[in-house]
Every structure is written in structure tokens, then in C-alpha cells.
Amino acid sequence: MAVSELKVVQIAAGEMANFSYLIYCSATLEGVAVDPSFAPEALLEQARQLGVKLELLINTHSHRDHGAGNGKVLSATGAKLAGHPLDLPSADLFLEEGNRIPLGDGTIKVLHTPGHTPGSICLHAPGLVVTGDTLFVTRVGRADLPGGDVRELYRSLRRLAGLPPETRVFPGHDYGPRPVSTIAFEREHNPYLRCPDLDSFIQLRQG
């Protein structure tokens, strides 16, 4: 089993069952915040308690329920805002496919996973992936909102399904039977990942 040098703290973040995340290196206490949503104070408090210095605030995509707390986190920490240019064209740092974010003794790899939005990204490190609204526990993101594309979503999900089976899945919402999953569990229990082809996926997702 791959062991990440990075730690992940999952934080309940508001009335839409959002999760925000603190990802940090336990050796150096360098960290990034992800999707502060409607509870930026909770994320900031977690960072304070752990002694983590936030250098970067990452949005997995541009929907308001994920970025509503951006301003408070940025003003409190001096962090830079990062995201994919298709979703966050005014970000301080653009994150695109294959970019690597050094974080103490670990590294976060950026996966461009369009479908829910054109600029949706997932954050992958050994043993873990933060999936935003692309993949939930036993569910997947919508593709019928502005900018959504069900075919792109299918391709992005197939890519995530190809990650090592022990990879822990940290989703953007608490929509499933448990807050954290694994790729192996999703392959077995997520009906969208079990679709044998694109046509069946489209029928299920748009049904």
C-alpha cells in the first residue's frame, strides 16, 4: 500500500453537506486549504490547532458552495488562490493537468477531471485523492449544470477508477453512506463506475 507523506483533515463545511480539506506535511507543517465552502472559520481553526502554515488555497472548481469562504481564508493567511484557468481565470496560480505542488516532504499532483465543470480538478498524492464534485461515495457529480459535459465526466471517472485500489477517496460532499471511501470500494459499490460503457453511463446519469 502506498503511504502518503501528507495528512488530510476532512472538515464539515456548511448546510449543503460540503467538505473542506486541510492537506499538510506533518514534518514541516506546510499546508494547503481546499474548498473552504461556507465554514472557512472551521478550516482556519484546524490549521491553527495543528500549527499548519497555509501557503495556498485551492478550489477544485468554481461553484459558489466550494469557494464561498475564499475571501476569509485568503485575508487571514495571505495564501494565494489556485485553481484551473477554465474555472478560476482570476486565480493567482493556475493548476493544470500534471502540475505538481510540493508540500514539505510530499507532493500533490493535479488531475484535470472535467465533466462537472470544464475546469474541475482532483488532487492526488500517494494513497489519497481529493475529488471535489467529480466523484462522491457511491455517487458522482452532476453534468447537467452550465459547463457540464456527461461524456467528459465519464472519461474523468474512468481515469479515477484506474488509481490504485487502496487509494482513499475524499469527496466534496457528504452524500454517501460514509464520509471517506477507497477506489476499490467505489469500483465495487458505485453504480456509475460499474457502467460497462459510455451509453449506459449517460442513461444512468441523465435518467
C-alpha atoms as a PDB file:
ATOM      1  CA  MET A   1       0.000   0.000   0.000  1.00  0.00           C
ATOM      2  CA  ALA A   2       1.272   3.436  -0.932  1.00  0.00           C
ATOM      3  CA  VAL A   3       1.834   5.663   2.093  1.00  0.00           C
ATOM      4  CA  SER A   4       1.499   9.385   1.620  1.00  0.00           C
ATOM      5  CA  GLU A   5       3.843  11.839   3.288  1.00  0.00           C
ATOM      6  CA  LEU A   6       0.807  14.100   3.567  1.00  0.00           C
ATOM      7  CA  LYS A   7      -2.031  14.225   6.080  1.00  0.00           C
ATOM      8  CA  VAL A   8      -5.628  15.117   5.239  1.00  0.00           C
ATOM      9  CA  VAL A   9      -8.148  16.673   7.611  1.00  0.00           C
ATOM     10  CA  GLN A  10     -11.769  16.492   6.442  1.00  0.00           C
ATOM     11  CA  ILE A  11     -13.987  19.319   7.716  1.00  0.00           C
ATOM     12  CA  ALA A  12     -17.783  19.560   7.590  1.00  0.00           C
ATOM     13  CA  ALA A  13     -18.410  22.873   5.874  1.00  0.00           C
ATOM     14  CA  GLY A  14     -21.979  24.045   5.724  1.00  0.00           C
ATOM     15  CA  GLU A  15     -25.615  23.415   5.040  1.00  0.00           C
ATOM     16  CA  MET A  16     -25.078  21.775   1.637  1.00  0.00           C
ATOM     17  CA  ALA A  17     -23.165  18.856   3.182  1.00  0.00           C
ATOM     18  CA  ASN A  18     -19.881  20.216   1.828  1.00  0.00           C
ATOM     19  CA  PHE A  19     -16.478  19.050   2.937  1.00  0.00           C
ATOM     20  CA  SER A  20     -13.443  21.305   3.025  1.00  0.00           C
ATOM     21  CA  TYR A  21      -9.925  19.970   3.471  1.00  0.00           C
ATOM     22  CA  LEU A  22      -6.626  20.759   5.053  1.00  0.00           C
ATOM     23  CA  ILE A  23      -3.729  18.893   3.426  1.00  0.00           C
ATOM     24  CA  TYR A  24      -0.374  19.227   5.140  1.00  0.00           C
ATOM     25  CA  CYS A  25       3.033  17.736   5.748  1.00  0.00           C
ATOM     26  CA  SER A  26       3.352  16.608   9.357  1.00  0.00           C
ATOM     27  CA  ALA A  27       7.132  17.062   9.275  1.00  0.00           C
ATOM     28  CA  THR A  28       7.252  20.666   8.075  1.00  0.00           C
ATOM     29  CA  LEU A  29       3.667  21.787   8.836  1.00  0.00           C
ATOM     30  CA  GLU A  30       3.348  23.310   5.373  1.00  0.00           C
ATOM     31  CA  GLY A  31      -0.226  23.050   4.160  1.00  0.00           C
ATOM     32  CA  VAL A  32      -2.873  23.904   1.610  1.00  0.00           C
ATOM     33  CA  ALA A  33      -6.565  24.604   2.140  1.00  0.00           C
ATOM     34  CA  VAL A  34      -9.125  23.137  -0.244  1.00  0.00           C
ATOM     35  CA  ASP A  35     -12.676  24.403  -0.886  1.00  0.00           C
ATOM     36  CA  PRO A  36     -13.412  26.354   2.327  1.00  0.00           C
ATOM     37  CA  SER A  37     -17.096  26.458   1.381  1.00  0.00           C
ATOM     38  CA  PHE A  38     -19.415  28.024   3.963  1.00  0.00           C
ATOM     39  CA  ALA A  39     -17.232  27.302   7.006  1.00  0.00           C
ATOM     40  CA  PRO A  40     -13.828  28.948   6.476  1.00  0.00           C
ATOM     41  CA  GLU A  41     -13.526  29.544  10.214  1.00  0.00           C
ATOM     42  CA  ALA A  42     -13.527  25.789  10.839  1.00  0.00           C
ATOM     43  CA  LEU A  43     -10.715  25.255   8.346  1.00  0.00           C
ATOM     44  CA  LEU A  44      -8.682  28.116   9.798  1.00  0.00           C
ATOM     45  CA  GLU A  45      -9.179  26.774  13.320  1.00  0.00           C
ATOM     46  CA  GLN A  46      -7.945  23.334  12.282  1.00  0.00           C
ATOM     47  CA  ALA A  47      -4.836  24.898  10.780  1.00  0.00           C
ATOM     48  CA  ARG A  48      -4.290  26.955  13.947  1.00  0.00           C
ATOM     49  CA  GLN A  49      -4.641  23.958  16.244  1.00  0.00           C
ATOM     50  CA  LEU A  50      -2.178  21.906  14.200  1.00  0.00           C
ATOM     51  CA  GLY A  51       0.265  24.764  13.691  1.00  0.00           C
ATOM     52  CA  VAL A  52      -0.049  24.469   9.909  1.00  0.00           C
ATOM     53  CA  LYS A  53       1.001  27.406   7.730  1.00  0.00           C
ATOM     54  CA  LEU A  54      -1.262  27.776   4.700  1.00  0.00           C
ATOM     55  CA  GLU A  55       0.604  28.822   1.563  1.00  0.00           C
ATOM     56  CA  LEU A  56      -2.130  28.019  -0.949  1.00  0.00           C
ATOM     57  CA  LEU A  57      -5.916  27.910  -1.166  1.00  0.00           C
ATOM     58  CA  ILE A  58      -7.112  25.527  -3.878  1.00  0.00           C
ATOM     59  CA  ASN A  59     -10.603  25.379  -5.353  1.00  0.00           C
ATOM     60  CA  THR A  60     -11.453  22.084  -7.047  1.00  0.00           C
ATOM     61  CA  HIS A  61     -13.913  24.006  -9.217  1.00  0.00           C
ATOM     62  CA  SER A  62     -15.695  27.343  -9.346  1.00  0.00           C
ATOM     63  CA  HIS A  63     -19.122  26.640  -7.830  1.00  0.00           C
ATOM     64  CA  ARG A  64     -20.007  29.002  -5.001  1.00  0.00           C
ATOM     65  CA  ASP A  65     -20.655  26.284  -2.434  1.00  0.00           C
ATOM     66  CA  HIS A  66     -16.952  25.394  -2.645  1.00  0.00           C
ATOM     67  CA  GLY A  67     -15.422  28.854  -2.858  1.00  0.00           C
ATOM     68  CA  ALA A  68     -17.753  30.944  -0.688  1.00  0.00           C
ATOM     69  CA  GLY A  69     -15.172  31.135   2.101  1.00  0.00           C
ATOM     70  CA  ASN A  70     -12.211  32.024  -0.095  1.00  0.00           C
ATOM     71  CA  GLY A  71     -12.031  35.646   0.986  1.00  0.00           C
ATOM     72  CA  LYS A  72     -11.794  34.902   4.703  1.00  0.00           C
ATOM     73  CA  VAL A  73      -9.078  32.297   4.246  1.00  0.00           C
ATOM     74  CA  LEU A  74      -7.033  34.481   1.910  1.00  0.00           C
ATOM     75  CA  SER A  75      -7.246  37.549   4.150  1.00  0.00           C
ATOM     76  CA  ALA A  76      -6.438  35.556   7.300  1.00  0.00           C
ATOM     77  CA  THR A  77      -3.433  33.713   5.892  1.00  0.00           C
ATOM     78  CA  GLY A  78      -2.001  35.643   2.958  1.00  0.00           C
ATOM     79  CA  ALA A  79      -2.250  32.434   0.915  1.00  0.00           C
ATOM     80  CA  LYS A  80      -2.533  32.511  -2.864  1.00  0.00           C
ATOM     81  CA  LEU A  81      -5.686  31.316  -4.638  1.00  0.00           C
ATOM     82  CA  ALA A  82      -5.145  28.418  -7.038  1.00  0.00           C
ATOM     83  CA  GLY A  83      -7.381  26.610  -9.495  1.00  0.00           C
ATOM     84  CA  HIS A  84      -7.800  25.590 -13.109  1.00  0.00           C
ATOM     85  CA  PRO A  85      -7.918  28.565 -15.515  1.00  0.00           C
ATOM     86  CA  LEU A  86     -11.142  27.329 -17.151  1.00  0.00           C
ATOM     87  CA  ASP A  87     -12.930  27.703 -13.819  1.00  0.00           C
ATOM     88  CA  LEU A  88     -10.871  30.320 -11.973  1.00  0.00           C
ATOM     89  CA  PRO A  89      -9.447  32.682 -14.601  1.00  0.00           C
ATOM     90  CA  SER A  90      -8.522  35.248 -11.933  1.00  0.00           C
ATOM     91  CA  ALA A  91      -6.621  32.829  -9.679  1.00  0.00           C
ATOM     92  CA  ASP A  92      -3.140  33.774  -8.505  1.00  0.00           C
ATOM     93  CA  LEU A  93      -1.823  30.378  -9.576  1.00  0.00           C
ATOM     94  CA  PHE A  94      -3.175  28.232 -12.391  1.00  0.00           C
ATOM     95  CA  LEU A  95      -3.299  24.492 -11.778  1.00  0.00           C
ATOM     96  CA  GLU A  96      -3.414  22.323 -14.871  1.00  0.00           C
ATOM     97  CA  GLU A  97      -3.039  18.660 -15.736  1.00  0.00           C
ATOM     98  CA  GLY A  98       0.179  17.159 -14.405  1.00  0.00           C
ATOM     99  CA  ASN A  99       1.220  20.127 -12.269  1.00  0.00           C
ATOM    100  CA  ARG A 100       2.945  19.093  -9.064  1.00  0.00           C
ATOM    101  CA  ILE A 101       2.591  21.062  -5.851  1.00  0.00           C
ATOM    102  CA  PRO A 102       5.495  20.468  -3.440  1.00  0.00           C
ATOM    103  CA  LEU A 103       4.314  20.352   0.151  1.00  0.00           C
ATOM    104  CA  GLY A 104       7.061  19.679   2.663  1.00  0.00           C
ATOM    105  CA  ASP A 105       8.163  16.077   2.243  1.00  0.00           C
ATOM    106  CA  GLY A 106       5.262  15.276  -0.091  1.00  0.00           C
ATOM    107  CA  THR A 107       3.832  16.314  -3.433  1.00  0.00           C
ATOM    108  CA  ILE A 108       0.292  16.849  -4.686  1.00  0.00           C
ATOM    109  CA  LYS A 109      -0.339  16.034  -8.341  1.00  0.00           C
ATOM    110  CA  VAL A 110      -3.082  17.900 -10.188  1.00  0.00           C
ATOM    111  CA  LEU A 111      -5.504  15.832 -12.258  1.00  0.00           C
ATOM    112  CA  HIS A 112      -7.707  17.763 -14.686  1.00  0.00           C
ATOM    113  CA  THR A 113     -11.063  15.968 -14.444  1.00  0.00           C
ATOM    114  CA  PRO A 114     -13.664  17.908 -16.461  1.00  0.00           C
ATOM    115  CA  GLY A 115     -17.302  16.945 -16.621  1.00  0.00           C
ATOM    116  CA  HIS A 116     -18.946  18.561 -13.622  1.00  0.00           C
ATOM    117  CA  THR A 117     -17.359  21.819 -14.779  1.00  0.00           C
ATOM    118  CA  PRO A 118     -14.784  22.451 -17.539  1.00  0.00           C
ATOM    119  CA  GLY A 119     -12.032  23.205 -15.028  1.00  0.00           C
ATOM    120  CA  SER A 120     -12.725  20.625 -12.333  1.00  0.00           C
ATOM    121  CA  ILE A 121      -9.579  19.196 -10.785  1.00  0.00           C
ATOM    122  CA  CYS A 122      -8.731  16.401  -8.357  1.00  0.00           C
ATOM    123  CA  LEU A 123      -5.722  16.450  -6.035  1.00  0.00           C
ATOM    124  CA  HIS A 124      -3.751  13.208  -5.941  1.00  0.00           C
ATOM    125  CA  ALA A 125      -0.960  12.120  -3.627  1.00  0.00           C
ATOM    126  CA  PRO A 126       0.221   8.578  -2.874  1.00  0.00           C
ATOM    127  CA  GLY A 127      -2.647   6.788  -1.177  1.00  0.00           C
ATOM    128  CA  LEU A 128      -5.217   9.565  -1.423  1.00  0.00           C
ATOM    129  CA  VAL A 129      -7.261  11.685  -3.814  1.00  0.00           C
ATOM    130  CA  VAL A 130      -9.446  14.717  -3.097  1.00  0.00           C
ATOM    131  CA  THR A 131     -12.160  14.518  -5.739  1.00  0.00           C
ATOM    132  CA  GLY A 132     -14.267  17.690  -5.418  1.00  0.00           C
ATOM    133  CA  ASP A 133     -17.602  17.164  -7.161  1.00  0.00           C
ATOM    134  CA  THR A 134     -16.301  14.634  -9.682  1.00  0.00           C
ATOM    135  CA  LEU A 135     -16.584  11.513  -7.518  1.00  0.00           C
ATOM    136  CA  PHE A 136     -18.609  11.065  -4.338  1.00  0.00           C
ATOM    137  CA  VAL A 137     -19.000   7.984  -2.156  1.00  0.00           C
ATOM    138  CA  THR A 138     -21.255   5.692  -4.282  1.00  0.00           C
ATOM    139  CA  ARG A 139     -22.293   8.700  -6.377  1.00  0.00           C
ATOM    140  CA  VAL A 140     -20.831  11.132  -8.926  1.00  0.00           C
ATOM    141  CA  GLY A 141     -21.187  14.806  -9.758  1.00  0.00           C
ATOM    142  CA  ARG A 142     -23.875  16.331 -11.919  1.00  0.00           C
ATOM    143  CA  ALA A 143     -23.192  17.023 -15.562  1.00  0.00           C
ATOM    144  CA  ASP A 144     -26.345  18.996 -16.385  1.00  0.00           C
ATOM    145  CA  LEU A 145     -25.297  22.361 -14.930  1.00  0.00           C
ATOM    146  CA  PRO A 146     -23.803  25.123 -17.128  1.00  0.00           C
ATOM    147  CA  GLY A 147     -20.444  23.922 -18.409  1.00  0.00           C
ATOM    148  CA  GLY A 148     -21.157  20.307 -17.530  1.00  0.00           C
ATOM    149  CA  ASP A 149     -20.418  17.517 -20.011  1.00  0.00           C
ATOM    150  CA  VAL A 150     -21.550  13.971 -19.324  1.00  0.00           C
ATOM    151  CA  ARG A 151     -19.051  12.452 -21.760  1.00  0.00           C
ATOM    152  CA  GLU A 152     -16.146  14.289 -20.163  1.00  0.00           C
ATOM    153  CA  LEU A 153     -17.407  13.210 -16.739  1.00  0.00           C
ATOM    154  CA  TYR A 154     -17.406   9.569 -17.837  1.00  0.00           C
ATOM    155  CA  ARG A 155     -13.812   9.841 -19.054  1.00  0.00           C
ATOM    156  CA  SER A 156     -12.713  11.564 -15.844  1.00  0.00           C
ATOM    157  CA  LEU A 157     -14.346   8.884 -13.708  1.00  0.00           C
ATOM    158  CA  ARG A 158     -12.741   6.082 -15.700  1.00  0.00           C
ATOM    159  CA  ARG A 159      -9.419   7.741 -15.026  1.00  0.00           C
ATOM    160  CA  LEU A 160     -10.066   7.939 -11.283  1.00  0.00           C
ATOM    161  CA  ALA A 161     -11.196   4.307 -11.303  1.00  0.00           C
ATOM    162  CA  GLY A 162      -7.741   3.428 -12.609  1.00  0.00           C
ATOM    163  CA  LEU A 163      -5.968   4.725  -9.495  1.00  0.00           C
ATOM    164  CA  PRO A 164      -4.581   2.099  -7.103  1.00  0.00           C
ATOM    165  CA  PRO A 165      -7.464   0.322  -5.338  1.00  0.00           C
ATOM    166  CA  GLU A 166      -6.289   1.275  -1.853  1.00  0.00           C
ATOM    167  CA  THR A 167      -6.381   5.000  -2.687  1.00  0.00           C
ATOM    168  CA  ARG A 168      -8.582   6.802  -0.173  1.00  0.00           C
ATOM    169  CA  VAL A 169     -11.282   8.988  -1.726  1.00  0.00           C
ATOM    170  CA  PHE A 170     -12.064  12.323  -0.062  1.00  0.00           C
ATOM    171  CA  PRO A 171     -15.168  13.782  -1.772  1.00  0.00           C
ATOM    172  CA  GLY A 172     -16.519  17.326  -1.948  1.00  0.00           C
ATOM    173  CA  HIS A 173     -19.851  16.465  -0.284  1.00  0.00           C
ATOM    174  CA  ASP A 174     -21.106  14.064   2.346  1.00  0.00           C
ATOM    175  CA  TYR A 175     -23.576  12.380   0.001  1.00  0.00           C
ATOM    176  CA  GLY A 176     -22.784   8.730   0.588  1.00  0.00           C
ATOM    177  CA  PRO A 177     -23.045   6.073   3.285  1.00  0.00           C
ATOM    178  CA  ARG A 178     -19.724   7.150   4.778  1.00  0.00           C
ATOM    179  CA  PRO A 179     -17.544  10.259   4.527  1.00  0.00           C
ATOM    180  CA  VAL A 180     -14.398   8.632   3.105  1.00  0.00           C
ATOM    181  CA  SER A 181     -14.101   5.762   0.654  1.00  0.00           C
ATOM    182  CA  THR A 182     -11.493   3.968  -1.423  1.00  0.00           C
ATOM    183  CA  ILE A 183     -11.167   3.413  -5.141  1.00  0.00           C
ATOM    184  CA  ALA A 184     -11.704  -0.310  -4.534  1.00  0.00           C
ATOM    185  CA  PHE A 185     -14.972   0.359  -2.684  1.00  0.00           C
ATOM    186  CA  GLU A 186     -16.175   2.688  -5.454  1.00  0.00           C
ATOM    187  CA  ARG A 187     -15.353   0.182  -8.177  1.00  0.00           C
ATOM    188  CA  GLU A 188     -17.499  -2.353  -6.370  1.00  0.00           C
ATOM    189  CA  HIS A 189     -20.333  -0.218  -4.981  1.00  0.00           C
ATOM    190  CA  ASN A 190     -20.641   2.906  -7.141  1.00  0.00           C
ATOM    191  CA  PRO A 191     -23.163   2.182  -9.925  1.00  0.00           C
ATOM    192  CA  TYR A 192     -21.666   4.906 -12.114  1.00  0.00           C
ATOM    193  CA  LEU A 193     -18.223   3.321 -12.005  1.00  0.00           C
ATOM    194  CA  ARG A 194     -19.753  -0.062 -12.738  1.00  0.00           C
ATOM    195  CA  CYS A 195     -21.281   1.099 -16.044  1.00  0.00           C
ATOM    196  CA  PRO A 196     -19.719  -1.003 -18.810  1.00  0.00           C
ATOM    197  CA  ASP A 197     -19.703   1.757 -21.425  1.00  0.00           C
ATOM    198  CA  LEU A 198     -20.465   5.410 -22.143  1.00  0.00           C
ATOM    199  CA  ASP A 199     -24.035   4.829 -23.316  1.00  0.00           C
ATOM    200  CA  SER A 200     -25.028   3.064 -20.115  1.00  0.00           C
ATOM    201  CA  PHE A 201     -23.354   5.785 -18.070  1.00  0.00           C
ATOM    202  CA  ILE A 202     -25.246   8.517 -19.914  1.00  0.00           C
ATOM    203  CA  GLN A 203     -28.531   6.681 -19.418  1.00  0.00           C
ATOM    204  CA  LEU A 204     -27.871   6.319 -15.675  1.00  0.00           C
ATOM    205  CA  ARG A 205     -26.521   9.836 -15.119  1.00  0.00           C
ATOM    206  CA  GLN A 206     -29.266  11.549 -17.104  1.00  0.00           C
ATOM    207  CA  GLY A 207     -32.050   9.156 -16.158  1.00  0.00           C
END
